[in-house]
Protein backbone atom coordinates (compact mmCIF):
# COMPACT_ATOMS: atom_id res chain seq x y z
CA UNK A 1 75.81 -63.52 -97.33
CA UNK A 2 76.34 -59.83 -98.27
CA UNK A 3 77.20 -56.51 -96.67
CA UNK A 4 79.07 -58.02 -93.74
CA UNK A 5 81.74 -55.84 -92.20
CA UNK A 6 85.13 -57.10 -91.07
CA UNK A 7 85.88 -56.77 -87.40
CA UNK A 8 88.38 -57.99 -84.85
CA UNK A 9 85.93 -60.45 -83.29
CA UNK A 10 85.26 -62.41 -86.47
CA UNK A 11 88.43 -64.04 -87.74
CA UNK A 12 88.64 -65.78 -91.12
CA UNK A 13 89.26 -69.51 -90.70
CA UNK A 14 90.87 -71.81 -93.27
CA UNK A 15 87.50 -73.56 -93.77
CA UNK A 16 85.59 -70.34 -94.58
CA UNK A 17 84.50 -68.85 -97.85
CA UNK A 18 84.86 -65.08 -98.04
CA UNK A 19 83.22 -62.61 -100.41
CA UNK A 20 84.81 -59.32 -101.37
CA UNK A 21 82.35 -56.94 -103.06
CA UNK A 22 83.70 -53.66 -104.42
CA UNK A 23 82.01 -50.71 -106.09
CA UNK A 24 84.23 -48.06 -107.67
CA UNK A 25 83.76 -44.68 -109.27
CA UNK A 26 86.02 -43.13 -111.89
CA UNK A 27 85.32 -39.82 -113.63
CA UNK A 28 81.61 -40.04 -112.85
CA UNK A 29 81.13 -43.68 -113.91
CA UNK A 30 80.56 -46.63 -111.60
CA UNK A 31 81.44 -50.32 -111.74
CA UNK A 32 80.65 -53.15 -109.32
CA UNK A 33 82.37 -56.50 -108.82
CA UNK A 34 82.49 -59.37 -106.34
CA UNK A 35 84.44 -62.58 -105.95
CA UNK A 36 84.08 -65.41 -103.44
CA UNK A 37 87.33 -66.93 -102.17
CA UNK A 38 87.93 -70.39 -100.77
CA UNK A 39 90.78 -71.48 -98.55
CA UNK A 40 92.88 -74.52 -97.75
CA UNK A 41 90.31 -76.40 -95.63
CA UNK A 42 87.12 -75.29 -97.38
CA UNK A 43 84.72 -78.26 -97.47
CA UNK A 44 84.13 -79.83 -100.91
CA UNK A 45 80.44 -78.84 -100.94
CA UNK A 46 81.39 -75.18 -100.36
CA UNK A 47 83.94 -75.33 -103.17
CA UNK A 48 81.27 -76.83 -105.45
CA UNK A 49 78.88 -74.03 -104.44
CA UNK A 50 81.50 -71.38 -105.19
CA UNK A 51 82.46 -72.92 -108.54
CA UNK A 52 78.79 -73.23 -109.52
CA UNK A 53 78.10 -69.58 -108.74
CA UNK A 54 81.05 -68.40 -110.84
CA UNK A 55 80.05 -70.73 -113.70
CA UNK A 56 76.46 -69.44 -113.56
CA UNK A 57 77.70 -65.84 -113.79
CA UNK A 58 80.06 -66.51 -116.70
CA UNK A 59 77.50 -68.53 -118.66
CA UNK A 60 74.91 -65.78 -118.14
CA UNK A 61 77.40 -63.25 -119.51
CA UNK A 62 78.09 -65.46 -122.56
CA UNK A 63 74.31 -65.73 -123.20
CA UNK A 64 73.90 -61.96 -123.57
CA UNK A 65 73.38 -60.25 -126.90
CA UNK A 66 71.29 -57.32 -128.14
CA UNK A 67 67.70 -58.22 -128.93
CA UNK A 68 67.45 -60.97 -126.30
CA UNK A 69 65.20 -60.51 -123.28
CA UNK A 70 66.99 -59.67 -120.05
CA UNK A 71 65.41 -62.86 -118.67
CA UNK A 72 68.12 -64.89 -120.47
CA UNK A 73 70.40 -63.91 -117.58
CA UNK A 74 68.10 -65.25 -114.86
CA UNK A 75 67.23 -68.36 -116.85
CA UNK A 76 70.90 -69.24 -117.27
CA UNK A 77 71.82 -68.59 -113.63
CA UNK A 78 68.87 -70.53 -112.21
CA UNK A 79 69.32 -73.50 -114.56
CA UNK A 80 72.99 -74.00 -113.67
CA UNK A 81 72.34 -73.41 -109.95
CA UNK A 82 69.49 -75.94 -109.77
CA UNK A 83 71.34 -78.54 -111.86
CA UNK A 84 73.99 -78.61 -109.12
CA UNK A 85 71.45 -78.87 -106.29
CA UNK A 86 71.70 -75.30 -105.01
CA UNK A 87 69.21 -72.41 -104.74
CA UNK A 88 69.22 -68.82 -105.93
CA UNK A 89 68.76 -66.07 -103.35
CA UNK A 90 65.77 -64.49 -105.12
CA UNK A 91 65.52 -61.25 -103.18
CA UNK A 92 69.04 -60.22 -104.24
CA UNK A 93 69.50 -58.94 -107.78
CA UNK A 94 71.90 -57.42 -110.23
CA UNK A 95 71.27 -53.98 -111.65
CA UNK A 96 72.06 -51.39 -114.24
CA UNK A 97 75.20 -49.41 -113.49
CA UNK A 98 76.84 -46.34 -114.94
CA UNK A 99 76.27 -42.82 -113.61
CA UNK A 100 75.05 -44.37 -110.31
CA UNK A 101 76.08 -47.59 -108.62
CA UNK A 102 72.50 -48.91 -108.83
CA UNK A 103 70.35 -47.98 -111.84
CA UNK A 104 67.52 -49.66 -113.74
CA UNK A 105 66.99 -52.28 -114.95
CA UNK A 106 66.82 -54.90 -112.21
CA UNK A 107 68.68 -58.06 -113.24
CA UNK A 108 66.98 -61.05 -111.63
CA UNK A 109 68.87 -64.30 -111.00
CA UNK A 110 65.91 -66.57 -111.71
CA UNK A 111 63.88 -67.50 -114.77
CA UNK A 112 60.41 -66.05 -114.31
CA UNK A 113 61.25 -62.38 -114.68
CA UNK A 114 62.04 -59.66 -117.18
CA UNK A 115 60.69 -61.08 -120.44
CA UNK A 116 59.53 -57.65 -121.56
CA UNK A 117 62.89 -55.86 -121.18
CA UNK A 118 65.07 -56.32 -124.26
CA UNK A 119 68.85 -56.01 -124.04
CA UNK A 120 70.22 -53.17 -126.18
CA UNK A 121 73.71 -52.29 -127.34
CA UNK A 122 75.33 -49.84 -124.91
CA UNK A 123 73.50 -51.10 -121.82
CA UNK A 124 75.80 -51.58 -118.81
CA UNK A 125 74.80 -54.12 -116.16
CA UNK A 126 76.15 -55.54 -112.93
CA UNK A 127 75.23 -59.22 -112.99
CA UNK A 128 75.54 -60.81 -109.57
CA UNK A 129 74.21 -64.23 -108.73
CA UNK A 130 74.10 -65.12 -105.06
CA UNK A 131 73.39 -68.80 -104.47
CA UNK A 132 73.16 -71.01 -101.40
CA UNK A 133 73.31 -74.54 -100.08
CA UNK A 134 70.06 -73.81 -98.25
CA UNK A 135 66.51 -72.69 -98.90
CA UNK A 136 67.29 -69.24 -100.35
CA UNK A 137 65.57 -67.16 -97.67
CA UNK A 138 67.43 -64.29 -96.02
CA UNK A 139 67.36 -62.21 -92.86
CA UNK A 140 68.91 -58.91 -91.83
CA UNK A 141 71.18 -58.81 -88.78
CA UNK A 142 71.38 -55.32 -87.29
CA UNK A 143 74.53 -54.61 -85.31
CA UNK A 144 74.89 -52.44 -82.20
CA UNK A 145 77.29 -50.16 -84.08
CA UNK A 146 74.59 -49.26 -86.64
CA UNK A 147 75.89 -51.55 -89.38
CA UNK A 148 73.96 -54.51 -90.76
CA UNK A 149 74.48 -57.63 -92.81
CA UNK A 150 72.27 -59.98 -94.77
CA UNK A 151 72.59 -63.66 -93.93
CA UNK A 152 70.85 -66.81 -95.07
CA UNK A 153 67.83 -67.48 -92.83
CA UNK A 154 68.87 -71.13 -92.36
CA UNK A 155 72.56 -70.26 -91.72
CA UNK A 156 73.67 -72.19 -94.82
CA UNK A 157 76.65 -71.06 -96.85
CA UNK A 158 76.24 -68.77 -99.84
CA UNK A 159 78.49 -67.72 -102.72
CA UNK A 160 78.43 -64.43 -104.63
CA UNK A 161 80.14 -63.37 -107.85
CA UNK A 162 79.61 -60.18 -109.82
CA UNK A 163 80.91 -58.50 -112.95
CA UNK A 164 80.01 -55.25 -114.62
CA UNK A 165 79.48 -55.82 -118.33
CA UNK A 166 78.58 -53.77 -121.38
CA UNK A 167 76.23 -55.11 -124.05
CA UNK A 168 77.84 -54.73 -127.48
CA UNK A 169 76.67 -55.70 -130.94
CA UNK A 170 78.55 -58.99 -130.62
CA UNK A 171 77.58 -59.84 -127.02
CA UNK A 172 78.86 -58.77 -123.62
CA UNK A 173 82.28 -57.50 -122.69
CA UNK A 174 83.64 -57.56 -119.15
CA UNK A 175 84.38 -54.17 -117.64
CA UNK A 176 85.57 -55.57 -114.29
């Protein structure tokens, strides 16, 4: 699902979906972005999952404007995800970003959160829905080399997209 590490034992197959998540720093400022890729033999349900996740992210970005509660992001993501028959991974969130890779506020991907935090001009956020074909529960796999990865508890596919955005007086602008 997230934080997997490439290795020689795990080869990408033409039916896989692959997420590439990148955080960068430039002159003391951070940005964060992720995209899920499909391949030639990716099953239709996995392509639908991937397209839904990207649509949920983009619609959440379009819904942003100063004065709205941060919850508009989670409401939008969850609505689109559920309409397509998928589930949000609720224990994974977006975040503020700027001088650190992860800053307040937490950006939830579901509707019942954040009504008291109001979006303000100048706020920079990393919005990152992670959705799944399955139940939405996760587990941590610890590796013998000291690395770890988070996977879906039911081994169902997940998709992940992320953009860093800035809230402006007219809405959100993409920084990644």
